[in-house]
């Protein structure tokens, strides 16, 4: 069960001597790891914006990484209360934040592709799974069920054969057009991230995107 904290909404800025690993959501009042929250700041023009990389200057307000929670924060004026000033909040802030999270995941996947740590196409992905070279399986959100089912079955089979306690993550957060954009090719339905340092950032960002769309639920909960 998550702890309930005393009110202490605003941080002291992105650069402190002791960076926190947990923060309190200004809406739910729950303390969560910062990976499960989104930092918001006020721009010089007075508009609330999401600071996905947690590097923008100024004091920040933390909200659970959930579309519904960000929408509630905007609707119930949590930002004005938290920042203790009049701020401009877009009526579509929750949608815009979700779009920013998707772009962030696409950008990270493009870096993985440039590093040569991703393969695409059913046959290449199948081979990577069977050789246990893949650390994550990607399906287009609009992909056909038959191909998805076959590759998912390989993930389960290889995990069972190797007695792994956890299967590799299967991610369906991006549509085919978004995968095309990241990988600079057309009609990408299936892809696999291979072992290497470039994949870690993509996996983290894609998990945040999934959590945001799923209502802030913890992975594996």
N, C-alpha and C. Protein backbone atom coordinates (compact mmCIF):
# COMPACT_ATOMS: atom_id res chain seq x y z
N UNK A 1 0.85 -1.20 0.00
CA UNK A 1 0.00 0.00 0.00
C UNK A 1 0.87 1.23 0.00
N UNK A 2 0.48 2.25 -0.80
CA UNK A 2 1.28 3.46 -0.90
C UNK A 2 1.08 4.34 0.33
N UNK A 3 2.16 5.01 0.71
CA UNK A 3 2.09 5.89 1.87
C UNK A 3 1.37 7.18 1.54
N UNK A 4 0.75 7.76 2.52
CA UNK A 4 0.12 9.07 2.37
C UNK A 4 1.02 10.10 3.04
N UNK A 5 1.36 11.16 2.29
CA UNK A 5 2.33 12.12 2.80
C UNK A 5 1.64 13.39 3.28
N UNK A 6 2.35 14.12 4.11
CA UNK A 6 1.89 15.45 4.48
C UNK A 6 2.02 16.37 3.26
N UNK A 7 1.18 17.39 3.13
CA UNK A 7 1.27 18.28 1.98
C UNK A 7 2.65 18.90 1.86
N UNK A 8 3.25 18.71 0.72
CA UNK A 8 4.55 19.31 0.40
C UNK A 8 4.71 19.18 -1.11
N UNK A 9 3.82 19.87 -1.83
CA UNK A 9 3.65 19.60 -3.25
C UNK A 9 4.85 19.96 -4.11
N UNK A 10 5.37 21.16 -3.95
CA UNK A 10 6.36 21.66 -4.89
C UNK A 10 7.77 21.20 -4.52
N UNK A 11 8.53 20.81 -5.55
CA UNK A 11 9.94 20.51 -5.31
C UNK A 11 10.73 21.82 -5.35
N UNK A 12 12.02 21.73 -5.14
CA UNK A 12 12.87 22.92 -5.10
C UNK A 12 13.59 23.17 -6.42
N UNK A 13 13.15 22.48 -7.46
CA UNK A 13 13.79 22.62 -8.76
C UNK A 13 14.43 21.32 -9.19
N UNK A 14 14.83 21.22 -10.46
CA UNK A 14 15.37 19.96 -10.97
C UNK A 14 16.75 19.61 -10.46
N UNK A 15 17.50 20.58 -9.98
CA UNK A 15 18.87 20.30 -9.54
C UNK A 15 19.02 20.61 -8.05
N UNK A 16 19.06 19.55 -7.27
CA UNK A 16 19.25 19.70 -5.84
C UNK A 16 20.40 18.81 -5.41
N UNK A 17 20.92 19.06 -4.21
CA UNK A 17 22.03 18.25 -3.71
C UNK A 17 21.62 16.80 -3.45
N UNK A 18 20.35 16.61 -3.10
CA UNK A 18 19.85 15.28 -2.81
C UNK A 18 18.58 15.02 -3.63
N UNK A 19 18.73 14.63 -4.89
CA UNK A 19 17.55 14.38 -5.71
C UNK A 19 16.69 13.27 -5.13
N UNK A 20 15.39 13.49 -5.10
CA UNK A 20 14.46 12.53 -4.49
C UNK A 20 14.19 11.37 -5.44
N UNK A 21 13.93 10.21 -4.87
CA UNK A 21 13.52 9.05 -5.66
C UNK A 21 12.02 8.82 -5.58
N UNK A 22 11.36 9.52 -4.66
CA UNK A 22 9.91 9.46 -4.55
C UNK A 22 9.37 10.89 -4.41
N UNK A 23 8.13 11.06 -4.82
CA UNK A 23 7.43 12.33 -4.67
C UNK A 23 5.97 12.05 -4.37
N UNK A 24 5.28 13.11 -3.92
CA UNK A 24 3.87 12.96 -3.62
C UNK A 24 3.03 13.52 -4.76
N UNK A 25 2.04 12.76 -5.19
CA UNK A 25 1.09 13.23 -6.20
C UNK A 25 0.20 14.31 -5.58
N UNK A 26 0.13 15.45 -6.24
CA UNK A 26 -0.65 16.57 -5.71
C UNK A 26 -2.15 16.30 -5.75
N UNK A 27 -2.58 15.29 -6.48
CA UNK A 27 -4.01 14.98 -6.58
C UNK A 27 -4.39 13.87 -5.60
N UNK A 28 -3.69 12.73 -5.67
CA UNK A 28 -4.06 11.58 -4.84
C UNK A 28 -3.43 11.62 -3.46
N UNK A 29 -2.41 12.46 -3.27
CA UNK A 29 -1.66 12.58 -2.02
C UNK A 29 -0.89 11.31 -1.69
N UNK A 30 -0.62 10.48 -2.68
CA UNK A 30 0.14 9.26 -2.48
C UNK A 30 1.60 9.48 -2.85
N UNK A 31 2.49 8.88 -2.10
CA UNK A 31 3.92 8.93 -2.41
C UNK A 31 4.25 7.78 -3.35
N UNK A 32 4.87 8.10 -4.48
CA UNK A 32 5.21 7.10 -5.48
C UNK A 32 6.65 7.32 -5.95
N UNK A 33 7.28 6.30 -6.53
CA UNK A 33 8.58 6.51 -7.19
C UNK A 33 8.41 7.53 -8.31
N UNK A 34 9.43 8.33 -8.54
CA UNK A 34 9.30 9.40 -9.55
C UNK A 34 9.05 8.83 -10.94
N UNK A 35 9.42 7.57 -11.18
CA UNK A 35 9.13 6.96 -12.46
C UNK A 35 7.66 6.74 -12.71
N UNK A 36 6.84 6.86 -11.66
CA UNK A 36 5.40 6.67 -11.78
C UNK A 36 4.65 8.00 -11.72
N UNK A 37 5.41 9.10 -11.83
CA UNK A 37 4.82 10.43 -11.77
C UNK A 37 5.33 11.28 -12.93
N UNK A 38 4.64 12.38 -13.17
CA UNK A 38 5.08 13.36 -14.17
C UNK A 38 5.26 14.70 -13.47
N UNK A 39 6.37 15.34 -13.76
CA UNK A 39 6.66 16.65 -13.19
C UNK A 39 6.10 17.73 -14.11
N UNK A 40 5.40 18.69 -13.53
CA UNK A 40 4.85 19.83 -14.27
C UNK A 40 5.48 21.11 -13.75
N UNK A 41 5.75 22.04 -14.65
CA UNK A 41 6.30 23.33 -14.29
C UNK A 41 5.48 24.42 -14.98
N UNK A 42 5.74 25.67 -14.58
CA UNK A 42 5.08 26.81 -15.20
C UNK A 42 6.08 27.48 -16.13
N UNK A 43 5.70 27.65 -17.38
CA UNK A 43 6.57 28.28 -18.37
C UNK A 43 6.68 29.78 -18.08
N UNK A 44 7.65 30.46 -18.71
CA UNK A 44 7.77 31.92 -18.51
C UNK A 44 6.50 32.68 -18.87
N UNK A 45 5.68 32.11 -19.76
CA UNK A 45 4.44 32.77 -20.15
C UNK A 45 3.28 32.45 -19.21
N UNK A 46 3.56 31.62 -18.16
CA UNK A 46 2.54 31.31 -17.18
C UNK A 46 1.69 30.10 -17.50
N UNK A 47 2.12 29.28 -18.45
CA UNK A 47 1.36 28.10 -18.84
C UNK A 47 1.95 26.85 -18.21
N UNK A 48 1.10 25.96 -17.73
CA UNK A 48 1.55 24.70 -17.14
C UNK A 48 1.96 23.74 -18.26
N UNK A 49 3.17 23.17 -18.16
CA UNK A 49 3.66 22.23 -19.16
C UNK A 49 4.27 21.02 -18.46
N UNK A 50 4.23 19.88 -19.15
CA UNK A 50 4.83 18.66 -18.61
C UNK A 50 6.33 18.68 -18.83
N UNK A 51 7.07 18.36 -17.78
CA UNK A 51 8.54 18.29 -17.84
C UNK A 51 8.92 16.81 -17.80
N UNK A 52 8.83 16.14 -18.95
CA UNK A 52 9.00 14.69 -18.98
C UNK A 52 10.41 14.26 -18.60
N UNK A 53 11.41 15.09 -18.91
CA UNK A 53 12.80 14.73 -18.59
C UNK A 53 13.23 15.24 -17.22
N UNK A 54 12.34 15.95 -16.53
CA UNK A 54 12.58 16.45 -15.18
C UNK A 54 13.81 17.36 -15.13
N UNK A 55 13.95 18.21 -16.13
CA UNK A 55 15.13 19.09 -16.19
C UNK A 55 14.79 20.56 -16.33
N UNK A 56 13.52 20.88 -16.55
CA UNK A 56 13.16 22.28 -16.77
C UNK A 56 13.30 23.08 -15.47
N UNK A 57 13.71 24.36 -15.59
CA UNK A 57 13.93 25.17 -14.39
C UNK A 57 12.63 25.51 -13.68
N UNK A 58 12.77 25.90 -12.44
CA UNK A 58 11.62 26.29 -11.63
C UNK A 58 11.13 25.15 -10.77
N UNK A 59 10.29 25.50 -9.83
CA UNK A 59 9.74 24.49 -8.93
C UNK A 59 8.71 23.65 -9.67
N UNK A 60 8.64 22.37 -9.32
CA UNK A 60 7.77 21.46 -10.04
C UNK A 60 6.69 20.87 -9.18
N UNK A 61 5.56 20.57 -9.81
CA UNK A 61 4.43 19.90 -9.16
C UNK A 61 4.32 18.51 -9.77
N UNK A 62 4.17 17.50 -8.93
CA UNK A 62 4.19 16.11 -9.39
C UNK A 62 2.79 15.52 -9.39
N UNK A 63 2.44 14.87 -10.52
CA UNK A 63 1.12 14.25 -10.68
C UNK A 63 1.33 12.80 -11.12
N UNK A 64 0.53 11.89 -10.62
CA UNK A 64 0.61 10.50 -11.04
C UNK A 64 0.53 10.38 -12.55
N UNK A 65 1.34 9.49 -13.12
CA UNK A 65 1.39 9.30 -14.57
C UNK A 65 0.14 8.57 -15.04
N UNK A 66 -0.94 9.31 -15.12
CA UNK A 66 -2.25 8.77 -15.48
C UNK A 66 -3.04 9.85 -16.19
N UNK A 67 -3.60 9.53 -17.34
CA UNK A 67 -4.40 10.50 -18.09
C UNK A 67 -5.54 11.01 -17.22
N UNK A 68 -6.21 10.11 -16.51
CA UNK A 68 -7.35 10.51 -15.70
C UNK A 68 -6.93 11.45 -14.57
N UNK A 69 -5.76 11.19 -13.96
CA UNK A 69 -5.33 12.02 -12.84
C UNK A 69 -4.89 13.40 -13.31
N UNK A 70 -4.20 13.47 -14.46
CA UNK A 70 -3.81 14.77 -15.00
C UNK A 70 -5.05 15.56 -15.40
N UNK A 71 -6.03 14.88 -16.00
CA UNK A 71 -7.27 15.56 -16.36
C UNK A 71 -7.99 16.09 -15.13
N UNK A 72 -7.99 15.30 -14.06
CA UNK A 72 -8.61 15.75 -12.81
C UNK A 72 -7.87 16.95 -12.23
N UNK A 73 -6.54 16.93 -12.30
CA UNK A 73 -5.75 18.05 -11.79
C UNK A 73 -6.09 19.34 -12.52
N UNK A 74 -6.28 19.25 -13.83
CA UNK A 74 -6.64 20.43 -14.61
C UNK A 74 -8.05 20.88 -14.30
N UNK A 75 -8.97 19.93 -14.19
CA UNK A 75 -10.39 20.24 -14.00
C UNK A 75 -10.66 20.83 -12.62
N UNK A 76 -9.93 20.33 -11.60
CA UNK A 76 -10.22 20.76 -10.23
C UNK A 76 -9.20 21.79 -9.72
N UNK A 77 -8.49 22.41 -10.64
CA UNK A 77 -7.61 23.54 -10.33
C UNK A 77 -6.47 23.18 -9.37
N UNK A 78 -5.99 21.94 -9.42
CA UNK A 78 -4.87 21.55 -8.56
C UNK A 78 -3.59 22.31 -8.90
N UNK A 79 -3.44 22.71 -10.14
CA UNK A 79 -2.21 23.39 -10.52
C UNK A 79 -2.13 24.79 -9.90
N UNK A 80 -3.23 25.53 -9.95
CA UNK A 80 -3.25 26.86 -9.33
C UNK A 80 -3.05 26.75 -7.82
N UNK A 81 -3.67 25.73 -7.20
CA UNK A 81 -3.51 25.53 -5.77
C UNK A 81 -2.08 25.13 -5.43
N UNK A 82 -1.51 24.23 -6.23
CA UNK A 82 -0.17 23.73 -5.95
C UNK A 82 0.90 24.79 -6.15
N UNK A 83 0.78 25.54 -7.25
CA UNK A 83 1.78 26.59 -7.53
C UNK A 83 1.49 27.88 -6.78
N UNK A 84 0.29 27.94 -6.14
CA UNK A 84 -0.11 29.09 -5.33
C UNK A 84 -0.06 30.39 -6.13
N UNK A 85 -0.57 30.30 -7.37
CA UNK A 85 -0.61 31.47 -8.25
C UNK A 85 -1.56 31.15 -9.40
N UNK A 86 -1.96 32.19 -10.09
CA UNK A 86 -2.79 31.98 -11.28
C UNK A 86 -1.91 31.45 -12.41
N UNK A 87 -2.31 30.34 -12.97
CA UNK A 87 -1.58 29.75 -14.09
C UNK A 87 -2.57 29.39 -15.18
N UNK A 88 -2.06 29.29 -16.40
CA UNK A 88 -2.90 28.88 -17.52
C UNK A 88 -2.76 27.38 -17.72
N UNK A 89 -3.90 26.71 -17.76
CA UNK A 89 -3.91 25.26 -17.94
C UNK A 89 -4.76 24.93 -19.16
N UNK A 90 -4.18 24.31 -20.15
CA UNK A 90 -4.91 23.92 -21.35
C UNK A 90 -6.00 22.92 -21.00
N UNK A 91 -7.16 23.08 -21.61
CA UNK A 91 -8.26 22.14 -21.38
C UNK A 91 -7.89 20.74 -21.88
N UNK A 92 -6.94 20.66 -22.79
CA UNK A 92 -6.52 19.37 -23.34
C UNK A 92 -5.15 18.95 -22.81
N UNK A 93 -4.78 19.43 -21.62
CA UNK A 93 -3.45 19.13 -21.07
C UNK A 93 -3.21 17.63 -20.96
N UNK A 94 -4.20 16.86 -20.52
CA UNK A 94 -4.02 15.42 -20.37
C UNK A 94 -3.74 14.76 -21.71
N UNK A 95 -4.48 15.16 -22.76
CA UNK A 95 -4.25 14.61 -24.09
C UNK A 95 -2.88 15.02 -24.61
N UNK A 96 -2.52 16.29 -24.42
CA UNK A 96 -1.24 16.79 -24.91
C UNK A 96 -0.08 16.08 -24.21
N UNK A 97 -0.23 15.81 -22.92
CA UNK A 97 0.81 15.09 -22.19
C UNK A 97 0.97 13.69 -22.73
N UNK A 98 -0.15 13.02 -23.02
CA UNK A 98 -0.09 11.68 -23.61
C UNK A 98 0.60 11.69 -24.97
N UNK A 99 0.33 12.71 -25.77
CA UNK A 99 0.98 12.82 -27.07
C UNK A 99 2.48 13.06 -26.92
N UNK A 100 2.85 13.84 -25.92
CA UNK A 100 4.28 14.08 -25.66
C UNK A 100 4.98 12.80 -25.21
N UNK A 101 4.30 12.00 -24.39
CA UNK A 101 4.86 10.73 -23.96
C UNK A 101 5.06 9.79 -25.15
N UNK A 102 4.11 9.78 -26.08
CA UNK A 102 4.24 8.93 -27.27
C UNK A 102 5.41 9.39 -28.13
N UNK A 103 5.54 10.70 -28.32
CA UNK A 103 6.68 11.22 -29.11
C UNK A 103 8.00 10.87 -28.44
N UNK A 104 8.02 10.93 -27.11
CA UNK A 104 9.23 10.60 -26.37
C UNK A 104 9.62 9.14 -26.59
N UNK A 105 8.62 8.25 -26.58
CA UNK A 105 8.89 6.83 -26.82
C UNK A 105 9.36 6.60 -28.25
N UNK A 106 8.75 7.29 -29.21
CA UNK A 106 9.15 7.16 -30.61
C UNK A 106 10.60 7.61 -30.80
N UNK A 107 10.94 8.74 -30.20
CA UNK A 107 12.32 9.26 -30.29
C UNK A 107 13.32 8.26 -29.71
N UNK A 108 12.95 7.65 -28.58
CA UNK A 108 13.86 6.69 -27.93
C UNK A 108 14.01 5.44 -28.79
N UNK A 109 12.93 5.00 -29.43
CA UNK A 109 13.01 3.83 -30.30
C UNK A 109 13.87 4.13 -31.52
N UNK A 110 13.81 5.35 -32.02
CA UNK A 110 14.66 5.73 -33.15
C UNK A 110 16.14 5.63 -32.78
N UNK A 111 16.48 5.99 -31.55
CA UNK A 111 17.86 5.87 -31.08
C UNK A 111 18.28 4.39 -31.03
N UNK A 112 17.36 3.53 -30.59
CA UNK A 112 17.64 2.09 -30.55
C UNK A 112 17.92 1.58 -31.96
N UNK A 113 17.11 2.04 -32.92
CA UNK A 113 17.30 1.60 -34.31
C UNK A 113 18.64 2.06 -34.86
N UNK A 114 19.01 3.30 -34.58
CA UNK A 114 20.29 3.82 -35.06
C UNK A 114 21.46 3.05 -34.46
N UNK A 115 21.27 2.53 -33.26
CA UNK A 115 22.33 1.74 -32.60
C UNK A 115 22.36 0.30 -33.11
N UNK A 116 21.44 -0.05 -34.01
CA UNK A 116 21.40 -1.39 -34.54
C UNK A 116 20.89 -2.42 -33.56
N UNK A 117 20.06 -1.98 -32.60
CA UNK A 117 19.59 -2.88 -31.55
C UNK A 117 18.09 -3.16 -31.67
N UNK A 118 17.59 -3.18 -32.90
CA UNK A 118 16.19 -3.52 -33.13
C UNK A 118 16.07 -4.21 -34.49
N UNK A 119 15.17 -5.19 -34.57
CA UNK A 119 14.86 -5.84 -35.84
C UNK A 119 13.36 -5.73 -36.05
N UNK A 120 12.94 -5.73 -37.33
CA UNK A 120 11.52 -5.60 -37.65
C UNK A 120 11.15 -6.62 -38.71
N UNK A 121 9.86 -6.94 -38.75
CA UNK A 121 9.36 -7.95 -39.67
C UNK A 121 9.15 -9.27 -38.94
N UNK A 122 8.07 -9.98 -39.30
CA UNK A 122 7.69 -11.19 -38.55
C UNK A 122 8.83 -12.19 -38.48
N UNK A 123 9.46 -12.50 -39.62
CA UNK A 123 10.49 -13.55 -39.65
C UNK A 123 11.70 -13.19 -38.81
N UNK A 124 12.16 -11.94 -38.91
CA UNK A 124 13.33 -11.52 -38.14
C UNK A 124 13.03 -11.48 -36.65
N UNK A 125 11.83 -11.04 -36.32
CA UNK A 125 11.44 -10.99 -34.91
C UNK A 125 11.32 -12.41 -34.35
N UNK A 126 10.71 -13.29 -35.11
CA UNK A 126 10.59 -14.69 -34.68
C UNK A 126 11.97 -15.29 -34.43
N UNK A 127 12.90 -15.05 -35.33
CA UNK A 127 14.25 -15.59 -35.18
C UNK A 127 14.93 -15.04 -33.93
N UNK A 128 14.77 -13.72 -33.68
CA UNK A 128 15.38 -13.11 -32.50
C UNK A 128 14.81 -13.69 -31.22
N UNK A 129 13.50 -13.98 -31.23
CA UNK A 129 12.88 -14.58 -30.04
C UNK A 129 13.37 -16.01 -29.82
N UNK A 130 13.44 -16.78 -30.87
CA UNK A 130 13.86 -18.17 -30.74
C UNK A 130 15.32 -18.28 -30.31
N UNK A 131 16.14 -17.31 -30.74
CA UNK A 131 17.55 -17.29 -30.36
C UNK A 131 17.77 -16.62 -29.00
N UNK A 132 16.67 -16.15 -28.40
CA UNK A 132 16.72 -15.46 -27.10
C UNK A 132 17.61 -14.21 -27.15
N UNK A 133 17.55 -13.51 -28.28
CA UNK A 133 18.31 -12.28 -28.44
C UNK A 133 17.48 -11.05 -28.11
N UNK A 134 16.16 -11.21 -28.05
CA UNK A 134 15.27 -10.08 -27.83
C UNK A 134 15.07 -9.81 -26.35
N UNK A 135 15.05 -8.52 -25.99
CA UNK A 135 14.74 -8.13 -24.61
C UNK A 135 13.35 -7.52 -24.50
N UNK A 136 12.69 -7.29 -25.65
CA UNK A 136 11.32 -6.80 -25.66
C UNK A 136 10.72 -7.08 -27.03
N UNK A 137 9.44 -7.39 -27.04
CA UNK A 137 8.69 -7.62 -28.27
C UNK A 137 7.73 -6.46 -28.48
N UNK A 138 7.71 -5.92 -29.69
CA UNK A 138 6.83 -4.80 -30.00
C UNK A 138 5.79 -5.22 -31.03
N UNK A 139 4.54 -4.89 -30.78
CA UNK A 139 3.47 -5.07 -31.76
C UNK A 139 2.85 -3.71 -32.04
N UNK A 140 2.51 -3.45 -33.30
CA UNK A 140 1.72 -2.26 -33.60
C UNK A 140 0.36 -2.39 -32.93
N UNK A 141 -0.11 -1.30 -32.35
CA UNK A 141 -1.40 -1.32 -31.67
C UNK A 141 -2.53 -1.72 -32.61
N UNK A 142 -2.33 -1.46 -33.91
CA UNK A 142 -3.34 -1.79 -34.91
C UNK A 142 -2.95 -3.03 -35.72
N UNK A 143 -2.08 -3.87 -35.17
CA UNK A 143 -1.65 -5.08 -35.87
C UNK A 143 -2.70 -6.18 -35.84
N UNK A 144 -2.56 -7.12 -36.78
CA UNK A 144 -3.51 -8.24 -36.87
C UNK A 144 -3.30 -9.20 -35.71
N UNK A 145 -4.40 -9.76 -35.22
CA UNK A 145 -4.36 -10.61 -34.03
C UNK A 145 -3.58 -11.90 -34.26
N UNK A 146 -3.61 -12.44 -35.48
CA UNK A 146 -2.98 -13.73 -35.74
C UNK A 146 -1.47 -13.67 -35.53
N UNK A 147 -0.80 -12.68 -36.12
CA UNK A 147 0.64 -12.54 -35.95
C UNK A 147 1.03 -12.25 -34.52
N UNK A 148 0.24 -11.42 -33.86
CA UNK A 148 0.50 -11.10 -32.45
C UNK A 148 0.42 -12.36 -31.60
N UNK A 149 -0.61 -13.16 -31.83
CA UNK A 149 -0.80 -14.38 -31.05
C UNK A 149 0.37 -15.36 -31.24
N UNK A 150 0.85 -15.51 -32.47
CA UNK A 150 1.94 -16.45 -32.74
C UNK A 150 3.23 -16.02 -32.05
N UNK A 151 3.57 -14.74 -32.13
CA UNK A 151 4.81 -14.27 -31.51
C UNK A 151 4.70 -14.28 -29.99
N UNK A 152 3.54 -13.93 -29.47
CA UNK A 152 3.34 -13.98 -28.01
C UNK A 152 3.52 -15.41 -27.49
N UNK A 153 3.09 -16.38 -28.29
CA UNK A 153 3.22 -17.79 -27.88
C UNK A 153 4.69 -18.18 -27.80
N UNK A 154 5.51 -17.64 -28.70
CA UNK A 154 6.95 -17.92 -28.66
C UNK A 154 7.57 -17.33 -27.40
N UNK A 155 7.14 -16.14 -27.03
CA UNK A 155 7.64 -15.52 -25.80
C UNK A 155 7.36 -16.41 -24.60
N UNK A 156 6.14 -16.91 -24.51
CA UNK A 156 5.76 -17.78 -23.39
C UNK A 156 6.54 -19.09 -23.42
N UNK A 157 6.70 -19.66 -24.63
CA UNK A 157 7.39 -20.94 -24.75
C UNK A 157 8.86 -20.83 -24.37
N UNK A 158 9.55 -19.80 -24.88
CA UNK A 158 10.98 -19.67 -24.58
C UNK A 158 11.21 -19.36 -23.11
N UNK A 159 10.31 -18.60 -22.50
CA UNK A 159 10.44 -18.32 -21.07
C UNK A 159 10.28 -19.60 -20.26
N UNK A 160 9.32 -20.45 -20.66
CA UNK A 160 9.10 -21.70 -19.94
C UNK A 160 10.28 -22.65 -20.12
N UNK A 161 10.82 -22.72 -21.34
CA UNK A 161 11.93 -23.63 -21.61
C UNK A 161 13.20 -23.23 -20.88
N UNK A 162 13.39 -21.93 -20.72
CA UNK A 162 14.60 -21.45 -20.03
C UNK A 162 14.37 -21.25 -18.54
N UNK A 163 13.12 -21.55 -18.09
CA UNK A 163 12.74 -21.42 -16.67
C UNK A 163 12.92 -20.00 -16.14
N UNK A 164 12.66 -19.04 -17.02
CA UNK A 164 12.71 -17.64 -16.60
C UNK A 164 11.49 -17.35 -15.72
N UNK A 165 11.71 -16.58 -14.66
CA UNK A 165 10.59 -16.23 -13.78
C UNK A 165 9.69 -15.18 -14.41
N UNK A 166 10.25 -14.40 -15.36
CA UNK A 166 9.46 -13.37 -16.03
C UNK A 166 9.69 -13.45 -17.53
N UNK A 167 8.62 -13.29 -18.29
CA UNK A 167 8.74 -13.22 -19.74
C UNK A 167 9.25 -11.83 -20.13
N UNK A 168 9.82 -11.72 -21.33
CA UNK A 168 10.24 -10.40 -21.80
C UNK A 168 8.99 -9.55 -22.00
N UNK A 169 9.10 -8.24 -21.83
CA UNK A 169 7.91 -7.38 -21.99
C UNK A 169 7.40 -7.39 -23.42
N UNK A 170 6.10 -7.35 -23.56
CA UNK A 170 5.43 -7.24 -24.85
C UNK A 170 4.72 -5.89 -24.87
N UNK A 171 5.08 -5.04 -25.82
CA UNK A 171 4.63 -3.64 -25.82
C UNK A 171 3.80 -3.36 -27.06
N UNK A 172 2.60 -2.87 -26.85
CA UNK A 172 1.71 -2.52 -27.97
C UNK A 172 1.24 -1.08 -27.85
N UNK A 173 2.15 -0.21 -27.46
CA UNK A 173 1.78 1.18 -27.15
C UNK A 173 1.75 2.08 -28.38
N UNK A 174 2.40 1.66 -29.47
CA UNK A 174 2.53 2.53 -30.64
C UNK A 174 1.82 1.91 -31.84
N UNK A 175 1.21 2.75 -32.65
CA UNK A 175 0.56 2.28 -33.88
C UNK A 175 1.60 2.01 -34.96
N UNK A 176 1.20 1.34 -36.01
CA UNK A 176 2.13 1.01 -37.10
C UNK A 176 2.78 2.26 -37.68
N UNK A 177 2.02 3.32 -37.86
CA UNK A 177 2.59 4.56 -38.42
C UNK A 177 3.66 5.14 -37.50
N UNK A 178 3.48 4.99 -36.19
CA UNK A 178 4.46 5.49 -35.24
C UNK A 178 5.72 4.63 -35.25
N UNK A 179 5.55 3.31 -35.39
CA UNK A 179 6.71 2.43 -35.52
C UNK A 179 7.45 2.73 -36.82
N UNK A 180 6.69 3.00 -37.90
CA UNK A 180 7.31 3.37 -39.17
C UNK A 180 8.20 4.59 -38.99
N UNK A 181 7.68 5.58 -38.28
CA UNK A 181 8.41 6.83 -38.07
C UNK A 181 9.69 6.58 -37.30
N UNK A 182 9.62 5.77 -36.27
CA UNK A 182 10.79 5.51 -35.44
C UNK A 182 11.85 4.71 -36.18
N UNK A 183 11.42 3.75 -36.98
CA UNK A 183 12.36 2.82 -37.61
C UNK A 183 12.70 3.20 -39.05
N UNK A 184 12.09 4.29 -39.54
CA UNK A 184 12.37 4.79 -40.90
C UNK A 184 12.11 3.72 -41.97
N UNK A 185 10.99 3.03 -41.84
CA UNK A 185 10.57 2.06 -42.83
C UNK A 185 9.05 2.01 -42.81
N UNK A 186 8.46 1.31 -43.75
CA UNK A 186 7.00 1.31 -43.86
C UNK A 186 6.39 -0.01 -43.42
N UNK A 187 5.15 0.09 -42.98
CA UNK A 187 4.34 -1.08 -42.62
C UNK A 187 4.97 -1.96 -41.54
N UNK A 188 5.49 -1.34 -40.49
CA UNK A 188 6.05 -2.11 -39.38
C UNK A 188 4.91 -2.56 -38.48
N UNK A 189 4.79 -3.86 -38.30
CA UNK A 189 3.77 -4.42 -37.42
C UNK A 189 4.42 -5.07 -36.20
N UNK A 190 5.54 -5.73 -36.40
CA UNK A 190 6.24 -6.41 -35.32
C UNK A 190 7.71 -5.99 -35.32
N UNK A 191 8.26 -5.83 -34.13
CA UNK A 191 9.69 -5.51 -33.98
C UNK A 191 10.17 -6.10 -32.67
N UNK A 192 11.48 -6.23 -32.56
CA UNK A 192 12.06 -6.74 -31.32
C UNK A 192 13.25 -5.88 -30.96
N UNK A 193 13.33 -5.48 -29.70
CA UNK A 193 14.47 -4.75 -29.18
C UNK A 193 15.51 -5.77 -28.72
N UNK A 194 16.75 -5.58 -29.19
CA UNK A 194 17.83 -6.50 -28.84
C UNK A 194 18.60 -5.97 -27.63
N UNK A 195 19.38 -6.84 -27.02
CA UNK A 195 20.15 -6.44 -25.85
C UNK A 195 21.10 -5.31 -26.18
N UNK A 196 21.24 -4.37 -25.28
CA UNK A 196 22.14 -3.24 -25.47
C UNK A 196 21.66 -2.04 -24.68
N UNK A 197 22.54 -1.10 -24.41
CA UNK A 197 22.19 0.04 -23.56
C UNK A 197 21.13 0.96 -24.15
N UNK A 198 21.03 1.04 -25.47
CA UNK A 198 20.08 1.97 -26.08
C UNK A 198 18.64 1.60 -25.77
N UNK A 199 18.37 0.32 -25.54
CA UNK A 199 16.99 -0.10 -25.32
C UNK A 199 16.41 0.28 -23.98
N UNK A 200 17.25 0.53 -23.00
CA UNK A 200 16.74 0.77 -21.65
C UNK A 200 15.87 2.03 -21.58
N UNK A 201 16.31 3.08 -22.26
CA UNK A 201 15.51 4.32 -22.23
C UNK A 201 14.17 4.12 -22.91
N UNK A 202 14.17 3.41 -24.04
CA UNK A 202 12.90 3.15 -24.72
C UNK A 202 11.96 2.34 -23.85
N UNK A 203 12.46 1.31 -23.22
CA UNK A 203 11.61 0.47 -22.37
C UNK A 203 11.00 1.29 -21.24
N UNK A 204 11.81 2.15 -20.62
CA UNK A 204 11.31 2.99 -19.54
C UNK A 204 10.21 3.93 -20.03
N UNK A 205 10.46 4.56 -21.18
CA UNK A 205 9.48 5.53 -21.71
C UNK A 205 8.21 4.84 -22.19
N UNK A 206 8.34 3.69 -22.80
CA UNK A 206 7.16 2.98 -23.27
C UNK A 206 6.32 2.49 -22.10
N UNK A 207 6.96 2.05 -21.03
CA UNK A 207 6.23 1.62 -19.84
C UNK A 207 5.48 2.79 -19.20
N UNK A 208 6.10 3.97 -19.22
CA UNK A 208 5.41 5.15 -18.69
C UNK A 208 4.20 5.48 -19.55
N UNK A 209 4.35 5.36 -20.88
CA UNK A 209 3.23 5.63 -21.79
C UNK A 209 2.08 4.65 -21.54
N UNK A 210 2.40 3.38 -21.39
CA UNK A 210 1.37 2.38 -21.12
C UNK A 210 0.68 2.67 -19.79
N UNK A 211 1.48 2.99 -18.77
CA UNK A 211 0.92 3.30 -17.45
C UNK A 211 -0.01 4.51 -17.53
N UNK A 212 0.40 5.51 -18.29
CA UNK A 212 -0.40 6.73 -18.42
C UNK A 212 -1.76 6.41 -19.05
N UNK A 213 -1.75 5.60 -20.08
CA UNK A 213 -3.00 5.26 -20.76
C UNK A 213 -3.87 4.31 -19.93
N UNK A 214 -3.23 3.49 -19.12
CA UNK A 214 -3.96 2.48 -18.34
C UNK A 214 -4.42 3.00 -16.98
N UNK A 215 -4.20 4.26 -16.72
CA UNK A 215 -4.72 4.84 -15.48
C UNK A 215 -3.74 4.84 -14.33
N UNK A 216 -2.43 4.72 -14.65
CA UNK A 216 -1.42 4.84 -13.59
C UNK A 216 -1.15 3.55 -12.87
N UNK A 217 -1.64 2.41 -13.39
CA UNK A 217 -1.41 1.14 -12.70
C UNK A 217 0.03 0.73 -12.82
N UNK A 218 0.58 0.17 -11.75
CA UNK A 218 1.96 -0.31 -11.76
C UNK A 218 2.09 -1.52 -12.65
N UNK A 219 3.24 -1.61 -13.34
CA UNK A 219 3.47 -2.76 -14.19
C UNK A 219 3.49 -4.02 -13.34
N UNK A 220 2.77 -5.02 -13.82
CA UNK A 220 2.75 -6.30 -13.11
C UNK A 220 1.79 -6.32 -11.93
N UNK A 221 1.03 -5.23 -11.72
CA UNK A 221 0.09 -5.20 -10.59
C UNK A 221 -1.22 -5.85 -10.99
